[in-house]
Amino acid sequence: MNQPLRDYNDIPGTYVFDGLHQRRGYWLNTFCKSLDHAGNRDAFRANPATYVEKFPMTPEQREAVRERDWLAMLRLGGNIYYTFKLAIFDGLSMQHVGAAMNGSKMTVEEFRSMMVMGGRPIDGMRSRRENRARDHG
């Protein structure tokens, strides 16, 4: 599915939950939201593969859920608030997810320290166009 040009598409690591993203991730988000109910959590815990079959996700979305690939879920239409329901199911905090989303797979303590120190450096994070021009210039 081609994504229309939007200014925010040029920002690295940004997955804006616009209408296109919402449509792409509908079943992924519906699955995650289903975990609000104890009976659904029990069914998912008992047989994850069978439970996710109830939701017509793409193979890539199913793999992202199975692997707990948080960034892939966001890229594939996941809404952070819904995908975090899966993290909660796993007993993870937002700091655990943030650390796992870092390309270098930093530890939770490293992530906490980075956030306390002001967050990620902005170098290379402002524009994909600027990064390409710099890398090929």
N, C-alpha and C. Protein backbone atom coordinates (compact mmCIF):
# COMPACT_ATOMS: atom_id res chain seq x y z
N MET A 1 0.84 -1.17 0.00
CA MET A 1 0.00 0.00 0.00
C MET A 1 0.89 1.24 0.00
N ASN A 2 0.77 2.06 -1.03
CA ASN A 2 1.57 3.28 -1.11
C ASN A 2 1.05 4.31 -0.12
N GLN A 3 1.97 4.94 0.55
CA GLN A 3 1.60 5.95 1.54
C GLN A 3 1.66 7.32 0.88
N PRO A 4 0.60 8.12 0.99
CA PRO A 4 0.64 9.46 0.42
C PRO A 4 1.73 10.29 1.09
N LEU A 5 2.27 11.24 0.34
CA LEU A 5 3.30 12.12 0.88
C LEU A 5 2.72 13.00 1.98
N ARG A 6 3.33 12.95 3.13
CA ARG A 6 2.99 13.79 4.26
C ARG A 6 4.31 14.29 4.84
N ASP A 7 4.32 15.50 5.36
CA ASP A 7 5.55 16.04 5.93
C ASP A 7 6.12 15.11 6.99
N TYR A 8 5.25 14.51 7.80
CA TYR A 8 5.73 13.67 8.89
C TYR A 8 6.32 12.35 8.41
N ASN A 9 6.09 11.96 7.15
CA ASN A 9 6.70 10.75 6.63
C ASN A 9 8.22 10.89 6.49
N ASP A 10 8.72 12.12 6.54
CA ASP A 10 10.15 12.36 6.38
C ASP A 10 10.91 12.27 7.70
N ILE A 11 10.22 12.11 8.81
CA ILE A 11 10.88 12.09 10.12
C ILE A 11 11.20 10.64 10.49
N PRO A 12 12.49 10.30 10.62
CA PRO A 12 12.86 8.92 10.96
C PRO A 12 12.24 8.46 12.27
N GLY A 13 11.76 7.22 12.28
CA GLY A 13 11.23 6.64 13.51
C GLY A 13 9.86 7.15 13.90
N THR A 14 9.17 7.83 12.99
CA THR A 14 7.86 8.40 13.29
C THR A 14 6.79 7.58 12.59
N TYR A 15 5.85 7.09 13.35
CA TYR A 15 4.74 6.30 12.82
C TYR A 15 3.46 6.99 13.26
N VAL A 16 3.02 7.94 12.47
CA VAL A 16 1.84 8.73 12.81
C VAL A 16 0.60 7.88 12.55
N PHE A 17 -0.27 7.84 13.52
CA PHE A 17 -1.47 7.03 13.44
C PHE A 17 -2.57 7.82 12.72
N ASP A 18 -2.37 7.94 11.40
CA ASP A 18 -3.35 8.64 10.57
C ASP A 18 -4.37 7.63 10.04
N GLY A 19 -5.26 8.06 9.17
CA GLY A 19 -6.31 7.18 8.67
C GLY A 19 -5.76 5.96 7.94
N LEU A 20 -4.73 6.14 7.13
CA LEU A 20 -4.13 5.02 6.41
C LEU A 20 -3.54 4.01 7.39
N HIS A 21 -2.82 4.52 8.36
CA HIS A 21 -2.19 3.66 9.36
C HIS A 21 -3.26 2.92 10.16
N GLN A 22 -4.34 3.62 10.48
CA GLN A 22 -5.43 3.01 11.23
C GLN A 22 -6.05 1.85 10.45
N ARG A 23 -6.28 2.06 9.16
CA ARG A 23 -6.86 0.98 8.35
C ARG A 23 -5.90 -0.20 8.23
N ARG A 24 -4.62 0.08 8.07
CA ARG A 24 -3.62 -0.98 7.94
C ARG A 24 -3.56 -1.82 9.21
N GLY A 25 -3.71 -1.19 10.36
CA GLY A 25 -3.53 -1.90 11.62
C GLY A 25 -4.81 -2.30 12.33
N TYR A 26 -5.95 -2.18 11.65
CA TYR A 26 -7.23 -2.41 12.33
C TYR A 26 -7.26 -3.72 13.09
N TRP A 27 -6.93 -4.85 12.44
CA TRP A 27 -7.04 -6.15 13.10
C TRP A 27 -5.96 -6.38 14.14
N LEU A 28 -4.79 -5.84 13.90
CA LEU A 28 -3.72 -5.90 14.91
C LEU A 28 -4.17 -5.17 16.18
N ASN A 29 -4.71 -3.97 16.01
CA ASN A 29 -5.16 -3.19 17.16
C ASN A 29 -6.38 -3.82 17.83
N THR A 30 -7.26 -4.43 17.03
CA THR A 30 -8.42 -5.12 17.59
C THR A 30 -7.97 -6.30 18.45
N PHE A 31 -6.98 -7.04 17.96
CA PHE A 31 -6.41 -8.13 18.77
C PHE A 31 -5.87 -7.59 20.10
N CYS A 32 -5.04 -6.55 20.03
CA CYS A 32 -4.43 -6.01 21.25
C CYS A 32 -5.50 -5.52 22.21
N LYS A 33 -6.51 -4.82 21.69
CA LYS A 33 -7.59 -4.30 22.53
C LYS A 33 -8.38 -5.43 23.18
N SER A 34 -8.45 -6.57 22.51
CA SER A 34 -9.20 -7.70 23.06
C SER A 34 -8.61 -8.18 24.39
N LEU A 35 -7.33 -7.88 24.60
CA LEU A 35 -6.66 -8.32 25.82
C LEU A 35 -7.10 -7.54 27.06
N ASP A 36 -8.02 -6.59 26.86
CA ASP A 36 -8.62 -5.89 28.01
C ASP A 36 -9.45 -6.84 28.87
N HIS A 37 -9.95 -7.92 28.26
CA HIS A 37 -10.87 -8.83 28.95
C HIS A 37 -10.15 -10.07 29.44
N ALA A 38 -10.36 -10.40 30.70
CA ALA A 38 -9.67 -11.52 31.34
C ALA A 38 -9.86 -12.83 30.58
N GLY A 39 -11.05 -13.10 30.11
CA GLY A 39 -11.29 -14.33 29.36
C GLY A 39 -10.46 -14.42 28.09
N ASN A 40 -10.30 -13.29 27.42
CA ASN A 40 -9.46 -13.26 26.22
C ASN A 40 -7.99 -13.45 26.56
N ARG A 41 -7.55 -12.85 27.66
CA ARG A 41 -6.16 -13.05 28.09
C ARG A 41 -5.92 -14.51 28.41
N ASP A 42 -6.89 -15.15 29.07
CA ASP A 42 -6.76 -16.58 29.40
C ASP A 42 -6.68 -17.41 28.13
N ALA A 43 -7.52 -17.10 27.15
CA ALA A 43 -7.53 -17.86 25.89
C ALA A 43 -6.21 -17.65 25.14
N PHE A 44 -5.70 -16.42 25.13
CA PHE A 44 -4.44 -16.14 24.45
C PHE A 44 -3.29 -16.84 25.15
N ARG A 45 -3.29 -16.81 26.47
CA ARG A 45 -2.24 -17.47 27.25
C ARG A 45 -2.25 -18.98 26.99
N ALA A 46 -3.45 -19.57 26.92
CA ALA A 46 -3.58 -21.02 26.74
C ALA A 46 -3.13 -21.48 25.36
N ASN A 47 -3.42 -20.68 24.34
CA ASN A 47 -3.06 -21.09 22.98
C ASN A 47 -2.94 -19.85 22.09
N PRO A 48 -1.78 -19.20 22.13
CA PRO A 48 -1.62 -17.95 21.38
C PRO A 48 -1.90 -18.09 19.88
N ALA A 49 -1.42 -19.15 19.26
CA ALA A 49 -1.59 -19.29 17.81
C ALA A 49 -3.06 -19.40 17.43
N THR A 50 -3.81 -20.17 18.20
CA THR A 50 -5.23 -20.32 17.92
C THR A 50 -5.98 -19.01 18.19
N TYR A 51 -5.62 -18.34 19.27
CA TYR A 51 -6.32 -17.11 19.61
C TYR A 51 -6.14 -16.04 18.53
N VAL A 52 -4.91 -15.84 18.05
CA VAL A 52 -4.70 -14.78 17.06
C VAL A 52 -5.36 -15.09 15.73
N GLU A 53 -5.67 -16.37 15.47
CA GLU A 53 -6.36 -16.73 14.23
C GLU A 53 -7.74 -16.08 14.14
N LYS A 54 -8.31 -15.67 15.27
CA LYS A 54 -9.61 -15.01 15.27
C LYS A 54 -9.56 -13.64 14.61
N PHE A 55 -8.36 -13.11 14.41
CA PHE A 55 -8.17 -11.76 13.89
C PHE A 55 -7.43 -11.84 12.56
N PRO A 56 -8.04 -11.40 11.47
CA PRO A 56 -7.41 -11.54 10.15
C PRO A 56 -6.25 -10.55 9.91
N MET A 57 -5.21 -10.72 10.72
CA MET A 57 -4.01 -9.90 10.57
C MET A 57 -3.20 -10.41 9.38
N THR A 58 -2.28 -9.58 8.91
CA THR A 58 -1.36 -10.01 7.86
C THR A 58 -0.34 -10.96 8.47
N PRO A 59 0.32 -11.75 7.64
CA PRO A 59 1.38 -12.62 8.18
C PRO A 59 2.47 -11.82 8.90
N GLU A 60 2.79 -10.63 8.39
CA GLU A 60 3.80 -9.80 9.03
C GLU A 60 3.34 -9.33 10.41
N GLN A 61 2.07 -8.99 10.53
CA GLN A 61 1.55 -8.57 11.83
C GLN A 61 1.57 -9.74 12.81
N ARG A 62 1.18 -10.92 12.35
CA ARG A 62 1.20 -12.10 13.23
C ARG A 62 2.63 -12.38 13.72
N GLU A 63 3.58 -12.26 12.81
CA GLU A 63 4.98 -12.49 13.19
C GLU A 63 5.44 -11.44 14.20
N ALA A 64 5.08 -10.19 13.98
CA ALA A 64 5.46 -9.13 14.92
C ALA A 64 4.88 -9.40 16.31
N VAL A 65 3.63 -9.89 16.36
CA VAL A 65 3.02 -10.24 17.65
C VAL A 65 3.76 -11.41 18.27
N ARG A 66 4.01 -12.43 17.49
CA ARG A 66 4.69 -13.63 18.00
C ARG A 66 6.08 -13.30 18.53
N GLU A 67 6.80 -12.45 17.80
CA GLU A 67 8.18 -12.08 18.16
C GLU A 67 8.24 -10.92 19.15
N ARG A 68 7.08 -10.31 19.42
CA ARG A 68 7.01 -9.12 20.27
C ARG A 68 7.94 -8.05 19.72
N ASP A 69 7.85 -7.86 18.40
CA ASP A 69 8.63 -6.84 17.71
C ASP A 69 7.81 -5.56 17.72
N TRP A 70 8.04 -4.76 18.76
CA TRP A 70 7.22 -3.58 19.01
C TRP A 70 7.31 -2.57 17.88
N LEU A 71 8.49 -2.33 17.35
CA LEU A 71 8.62 -1.38 16.24
C LEU A 71 7.90 -1.89 15.00
N ALA A 72 8.02 -3.17 14.72
CA ALA A 72 7.32 -3.72 13.56
C ALA A 72 5.82 -3.54 13.71
N MET A 73 5.31 -3.74 14.92
CA MET A 73 3.87 -3.54 15.13
C MET A 73 3.48 -2.11 14.80
N LEU A 74 4.28 -1.14 15.21
CA LEU A 74 3.97 0.26 14.90
C LEU A 74 4.06 0.50 13.40
N ARG A 75 5.08 -0.03 12.75
CA ARG A 75 5.22 0.14 11.30
C ARG A 75 4.04 -0.47 10.55
N LEU A 76 3.50 -1.55 11.09
CA LEU A 76 2.43 -2.30 10.42
C LEU A 76 1.03 -1.82 10.81
N GLY A 77 0.94 -0.65 11.39
CA GLY A 77 -0.35 -0.06 11.69
C GLY A 77 -0.76 -0.10 13.14
N GLY A 78 0.12 -0.61 14.00
CA GLY A 78 -0.21 -0.66 15.42
C GLY A 78 -0.25 0.72 16.04
N ASN A 79 -1.18 0.90 16.94
CA ASN A 79 -1.27 2.11 17.73
C ASN A 79 -0.54 1.82 19.05
N ILE A 80 0.32 2.72 19.47
CA ILE A 80 1.14 2.47 20.66
C ILE A 80 0.28 2.15 21.88
N TYR A 81 -0.88 2.77 22.00
CA TYR A 81 -1.74 2.52 23.16
C TYR A 81 -2.33 1.12 23.13
N TYR A 82 -2.63 0.63 21.94
CA TYR A 82 -3.17 -0.73 21.83
C TYR A 82 -2.05 -1.76 21.94
N THR A 83 -0.94 -1.54 21.24
CA THR A 83 0.15 -2.53 21.30
C THR A 83 0.70 -2.64 22.72
N PHE A 84 0.62 -1.55 23.47
CA PHE A 84 1.10 -1.61 24.84
C PHE A 84 0.26 -2.56 25.69
N LYS A 85 -0.97 -2.82 25.30
CA LYS A 85 -1.81 -3.79 26.02
C LYS A 85 -1.17 -5.18 25.96
N LEU A 86 -0.52 -5.49 24.85
CA LEU A 86 0.20 -6.76 24.73
C LEU A 86 1.42 -6.75 25.65
N ALA A 87 2.10 -5.62 25.73
CA ALA A 87 3.25 -5.51 26.64
C ALA A 87 2.81 -5.70 28.08
N ILE A 88 1.70 -5.10 28.44
CA ILE A 88 1.16 -5.26 29.80
C ILE A 88 0.84 -6.73 30.05
N PHE A 89 0.25 -7.38 29.06
CA PHE A 89 -0.05 -8.82 29.16
C PHE A 89 1.23 -9.59 29.51
N ASP A 90 2.36 -9.17 28.91
CA ASP A 90 3.65 -9.82 29.15
C ASP A 90 4.32 -9.34 30.44
N GLY A 91 3.70 -8.42 31.15
CA GLY A 91 4.28 -7.91 32.39
C GLY A 91 5.38 -6.88 32.17
N LEU A 92 5.37 -6.21 31.01
CA LEU A 92 6.41 -5.24 30.69
C LEU A 92 5.94 -3.83 30.94
N SER A 93 6.88 -2.96 31.27
CA SER A 93 6.59 -1.54 31.43
C SER A 93 6.88 -0.83 30.11
N MET A 94 6.45 0.43 30.02
CA MET A 94 6.75 1.22 28.82
C MET A 94 8.26 1.38 28.67
N GLN A 95 8.99 1.39 29.77
CA GLN A 95 10.45 1.49 29.68
C GLN A 95 11.05 0.23 29.06
N HIS A 96 10.48 -0.93 29.36
CA HIS A 96 10.94 -2.17 28.71
C HIS A 96 10.73 -2.08 27.20
N VAL A 97 9.54 -1.62 26.81
CA VAL A 97 9.22 -1.52 25.38
C VAL A 97 10.12 -0.49 24.72
N GLY A 98 10.32 0.65 25.37
CA GLY A 98 11.20 1.68 24.81
C GLY A 98 12.61 1.17 24.61
N ALA A 99 13.12 0.43 25.57
CA ALA A 99 14.46 -0.14 25.44
C ALA A 99 14.51 -1.14 24.29
N ALA A 100 13.48 -1.96 24.16
CA ALA A 100 13.44 -2.97 23.09
C ALA A 100 13.32 -2.32 21.72
N MET A 101 12.71 -1.14 21.64
CA MET A 101 12.54 -0.45 20.36
C MET A 101 13.83 0.20 19.88
N ASN A 102 14.80 0.33 20.76
CA ASN A 102 16.06 0.93 20.36
C ASN A 102 16.81 -0.05 19.48
N GLY A 103 17.33 0.42 18.38
CA GLY A 103 18.01 -0.45 17.42
C GLY A 103 19.14 -1.27 18.02
N SER A 104 19.78 -0.75 19.06
CA SER A 104 20.90 -1.47 19.67
C SER A 104 20.43 -2.40 20.79
N LYS A 105 19.13 -2.49 20.99
CA LYS A 105 18.56 -3.36 22.04
C LYS A 105 19.18 -3.05 23.40
N MET A 106 19.05 -1.81 23.81
CA MET A 106 19.62 -1.40 25.09
C MET A 106 18.84 -2.01 26.25
N THR A 107 19.46 -2.03 27.38
CA THR A 107 18.80 -2.54 28.58
C THR A 107 17.80 -1.50 29.09
N VAL A 108 16.92 -1.94 29.96
CA VAL A 108 15.94 -1.02 30.55
C VAL A 108 16.67 0.08 31.32
N GLU A 109 17.71 -0.29 32.07
CA GLU A 109 18.46 0.72 32.84
C GLU A 109 19.14 1.72 31.90
N GLU A 110 19.71 1.25 30.79
CA GLU A 110 20.31 2.17 29.81
C GLU A 110 19.26 3.12 29.23
N PHE A 111 18.08 2.57 28.96
CA PHE A 111 16.99 3.40 28.43
C PHE A 111 16.58 4.46 29.46
N ARG A 112 16.40 4.03 30.70
CA ARG A 112 16.05 4.99 31.77
C ARG A 112 17.09 6.10 31.87
N SER A 113 18.34 5.71 31.88
CA SER A 113 19.42 6.71 31.97
C SER A 113 19.38 7.68 30.80
N MET A 114 19.16 7.16 29.61
CA MET A 114 19.09 8.01 28.42
C MET A 114 17.94 9.01 28.57
N MET A 115 16.81 8.56 29.04
CA MET A 115 15.65 9.44 29.18
C MET A 115 15.90 10.49 30.27
N VAL A 116 16.51 10.09 31.37
CA VAL A 116 16.82 11.03 32.45
C VAL A 116 17.79 12.10 31.95
N MET A 117 18.68 11.72 31.05
CA MET A 117 19.67 12.66 30.52
C MET A 117 19.11 13.52 29.38
N GLY A 118 17.84 13.37 29.08
CA GLY A 118 17.23 14.24 28.07
C GLY A 118 16.75 13.52 26.82
N GLY A 119 16.89 12.23 26.77
CA GLY A 119 16.39 11.47 25.63
C GLY A 119 17.44 11.21 24.56
N ARG A 120 16.96 10.73 23.44
CA ARG A 120 17.86 10.41 22.33
C ARG A 120 18.43 11.68 21.73
N PRO A 121 19.68 11.62 21.26
CA PRO A 121 20.23 12.78 20.55
C PRO A 121 19.47 12.97 19.23
N ILE A 122 19.34 14.19 18.78
CA ILE A 122 18.57 14.46 17.57
C ILE A 122 19.38 14.27 16.30
N ASP A 123 20.69 14.10 16.41
CA ASP A 123 21.52 13.93 15.23
C ASP A 123 21.01 12.75 14.41
N GLY A 124 20.75 12.99 13.15
CA GLY A 124 20.28 11.94 12.25
C GLY A 124 18.81 11.61 12.40
N MET A 125 18.10 12.32 13.27
CA MET A 125 16.70 12.00 13.53
C MET A 125 15.73 13.06 13.00
N ARG A 126 16.23 14.06 12.30
CA ARG A 126 15.37 15.16 11.89
C ARG A 126 14.70 14.93 10.55
N SER A 127 15.38 14.34 9.58
CA SER A 127 14.82 14.24 8.24
C SER A 127 15.49 13.12 7.46
N ARG A 128 14.69 12.27 6.86
CA ARG A 128 15.24 11.22 5.99
C ARG A 128 15.92 11.86 4.78
N ARG A 129 15.32 12.92 4.22
CA ARG A 129 15.93 13.60 3.06
C ARG A 129 17.31 14.15 3.43
N GLU A 130 17.39 14.82 4.59
CA GLU A 130 18.68 15.37 5.02
C GLU A 130 19.69 14.26 5.24
N ASN A 131 19.27 13.14 5.82
CA ASN A 131 20.19 12.02 6.04
C ASN A 131 20.70 11.47 4.71
N ARG A 132 19.81 11.31 3.73
CA ARG A 132 20.24 10.81 2.40
C ARG A 132 21.21 11.77 1.75
N ALA A 133 20.91 13.07 1.82
CA ALA A 133 21.80 14.06 1.22
C ALA A 133 23.16 14.04 1.90
N ARG A 134 23.18 13.92 3.20
CA ARG A 134 24.44 13.88 3.94
C ARG A 134 25.22 12.62 3.60
N ASP A 135 24.52 11.47 3.55
CA ASP A 135 25.18 10.20 3.30
C ASP A 135 25.65 10.05 1.86
N HIS A 136 25.01 10.75 0.93
CA HIS A 136 25.37 10.63 -0.48
C HIS A 136 25.96 11.91 -1.05
N GLY A 137 26.25 12.87 -0.17
CA GLY A 137 26.70 14.20 -0.63
C GLY A 137 28.13 14.37 -0.60
